[in-house]
């Protein structure tokens, strides 16, 4: 099994021991991409839209999309998301933005309320898993 790490270049990745994303699988680059919990931060690591669940969801998903692209994948390949929110009452706003990004992709998804994230200004964190090339197959419903 081969493994490729994707970094966003933050100081935290080597310090804490994680990667923005990891692409794994047998042969070549592999076909699975796992994106770490991703928050609404800008290129300098500053929190975007402190306390705003809608804008933070949008920015977190933009960051997820960038990590997928760096790993040779895309939003259409996503098969699973996990959305962590600090206030479950924000579920509908967060869900609507998730729907804007994923439309007909419709990955399996969970939304989990948590007591807090690494920075109190952060209210949303999102993980994603993708299977490279699966979004191009057209699929169908079971």
Protein backbone atom coordinates (compact mmCIF):
# COMPACT_ATOMS: atom_id res chain seq x y z
CA UNK A 1 0.00 0.00 0.00
CA UNK A 2 1.32 3.40 -0.95
CA UNK A 3 0.78 6.59 1.01
CA UNK A 4 1.16 10.26 0.02
CA UNK A 5 0.84 13.17 2.44
CA UNK A 6 -0.66 16.52 1.42
CA UNK A 7 0.25 19.54 3.50
CA UNK A 8 -1.24 23.00 3.76
CA UNK A 9 2.05 24.31 5.10
CA UNK A 10 0.86 25.31 8.56
CA UNK A 11 3.20 25.04 11.52
CA UNK A 12 0.73 22.70 13.24
CA UNK A 13 0.98 19.76 10.88
CA UNK A 14 4.54 18.66 11.78
CA UNK A 15 4.19 19.92 15.35
CA UNK A 16 1.04 17.94 16.13
CA UNK A 17 1.81 15.09 13.72
CA UNK A 18 -0.89 15.15 11.06
CA UNK A 19 -1.42 15.91 7.37
CA UNK A 20 -4.10 18.05 5.74
CA UNK A 21 -4.88 14.99 3.64
CA UNK A 22 -3.51 11.52 2.96
CA UNK A 23 -3.90 9.61 -0.31
CA UNK A 24 -3.60 5.84 0.05
CA UNK A 25 -4.17 2.68 -1.91
CA UNK A 26 -2.49 -0.10 -3.81
CA UNK A 27 -0.27 0.93 -6.71
CA UNK A 28 0.32 4.37 -8.16
CA UNK A 29 -1.16 7.14 -6.05
CA UNK A 30 -3.96 5.01 -4.63
CA UNK A 31 -7.62 5.83 -4.88
CA UNK A 32 -8.60 6.95 -1.35
CA UNK A 33 -8.14 10.48 -0.05
CA UNK A 34 -8.84 11.26 3.59
CA UNK A 35 -9.02 14.94 4.51
CA UNK A 36 -8.37 15.86 8.14
CA UNK A 37 -10.75 17.97 10.19
CA UNK A 38 -10.77 21.29 8.34
CA UNK A 39 -11.83 24.65 9.70
CA UNK A 40 -12.47 28.11 8.29
CA UNK A 41 -8.96 29.54 8.22
CA UNK A 42 -7.24 31.71 5.66
CA UNK A 43 -3.81 31.14 4.12
CA UNK A 44 -2.14 32.69 7.17
CA UNK A 45 -4.07 30.47 9.61
CA UNK A 46 -6.41 33.20 10.85
CA UNK A 47 -10.01 32.23 11.60
CA UNK A 48 -12.43 33.42 8.91
CA UNK A 49 -15.81 34.84 10.00
CA UNK A 50 -15.48 34.16 13.76
CA UNK A 51 -18.69 32.68 15.16
CA UNK A 52 -20.52 32.64 11.77
CA UNK A 53 -21.57 29.05 10.98
CA UNK A 54 -22.67 29.74 7.40
CA UNK A 55 -19.48 31.52 6.31
CA UNK A 56 -17.27 29.12 8.25
CA UNK A 57 -18.89 26.14 6.56
CA UNK A 58 -18.30 27.75 3.17
CA UNK A 59 -14.62 28.48 3.90
CA UNK A 60 -14.01 25.06 5.48
CA UNK A 61 -15.43 23.37 2.38
CA UNK A 62 -13.30 25.58 0.13
CA UNK A 63 -10.30 24.41 2.17
CA UNK A 64 -11.44 20.79 1.84
CA UNK A 65 -11.76 21.25 -1.94
CA UNK A 66 -8.21 22.67 -2.10
CA UNK A 67 -6.85 19.69 -0.15
CA UNK A 68 -8.67 17.26 -2.44
CA UNK A 69 -7.28 19.02 -5.51
CA UNK A 70 -3.74 18.90 -4.08
CA UNK A 71 -4.22 15.14 -3.66
CA UNK A 72 -5.46 14.72 -7.24
CA UNK A 73 -9.14 14.44 -6.37
CA UNK A 74 -12.20 16.71 -6.32
CA UNK A 75 -15.49 17.43 -4.54
CA UNK A 76 -17.30 15.08 -6.94
CA UNK A 77 -15.22 12.16 -5.61
CA UNK A 78 -16.30 12.68 -1.98
CA UNK A 79 -18.14 9.69 -0.54
CA UNK A 80 -18.23 10.68 3.15
CA UNK A 81 -18.26 13.86 5.23
CA UNK A 82 -18.35 14.47 8.96
CA UNK A 83 -19.45 17.91 10.08
CA UNK A 84 -18.75 19.03 13.64
CA UNK A 85 -20.68 22.04 14.97
CA UNK A 86 -20.52 23.75 18.33
CA UNK A 87 -24.24 24.58 18.23
CA UNK A 88 -26.62 21.97 16.82
CA UNK A 89 -29.19 24.73 16.26
CA UNK A 90 -26.98 25.78 13.31
CA UNK A 91 -27.62 22.47 11.55
CA UNK A 92 -29.87 23.92 8.85
CA UNK A 93 -27.53 26.79 7.85
CA UNK A 94 -24.55 24.45 7.82
CA UNK A 95 -26.50 21.79 5.95
CA UNK A 96 -27.62 24.21 3.25
CA UNK A 97 -24.03 25.25 2.51
CA UNK A 98 -22.98 21.57 2.51
CA UNK A 99 -25.75 20.99 -0.04
CA UNK A 100 -24.50 23.86 -2.23
CA UNK A 101 -21.08 22.25 -2.42
CA UNK A 102 -22.15 18.65 -2.85
CA UNK A 103 -25.43 18.93 -4.79
CA UNK A 104 -25.96 15.66 -6.61
CA UNK A 105 -22.75 14.14 -5.18
CA UNK A 106 -24.69 13.48 -1.98
CA UNK A 107 -21.98 11.80 0.12
CA UNK A 108 -22.83 9.84 3.24
CA UNK A 109 -22.67 12.46 5.97
CA UNK A 110 -22.92 12.95 9.70
CA UNK A 111 -23.36 16.13 11.71
CA UNK A 112 -22.14 16.00 15.28
CA UNK A 113 -22.49 18.62 18.01
CA UNK A 114 -19.30 19.11 20.02
CA UNK A 115 -18.58 21.20 23.11
CA UNK A 116 -15.84 23.18 21.39
CA UNK A 117 -13.15 23.31 18.74
CA UNK A 118 -9.46 24.22 19.00
CA UNK A 119 -10.22 27.97 18.83
CA UNK A 120 -13.38 29.42 20.45
CA UNK A 121 -13.99 31.53 17.30
CA UNK A 122 -14.37 28.29 15.28
CA UNK A 123 -17.88 26.87 15.15
CA UNK A 124 -17.59 24.33 12.29
CA UNK A 125 -15.04 21.65 11.37
CA UNK A 126 -15.38 19.23 8.45
CA UNK A 127 -13.70 15.94 7.50
CA UNK A 128 -14.02 14.32 4.08
CA UNK A 129 -13.21 11.02 2.42
CA UNK A 130 -13.00 10.59 -1.33
CA UNK A 131 -12.51 7.75 -3.80
CA UNK A 132 -10.59 9.16 -6.75
CA UNK A 133 -12.56 8.83 -9.99
CA UNK A 134 -15.82 7.77 -8.35
CA UNK A 135 -17.50 11.10 -9.09
CA UNK A 136 -17.01 10.65 -12.81
CA UNK A 137 -18.77 7.28 -12.96
CA UNK A 138 -22.29 8.71 -12.86
CA UNK A 139 -23.36 6.18 -10.26
CA UNK A 140 -27.02 5.95 -9.46
CA UNK A 141 -29.32 5.35 -6.55
CA UNK A 142 -29.80 2.02 -4.88
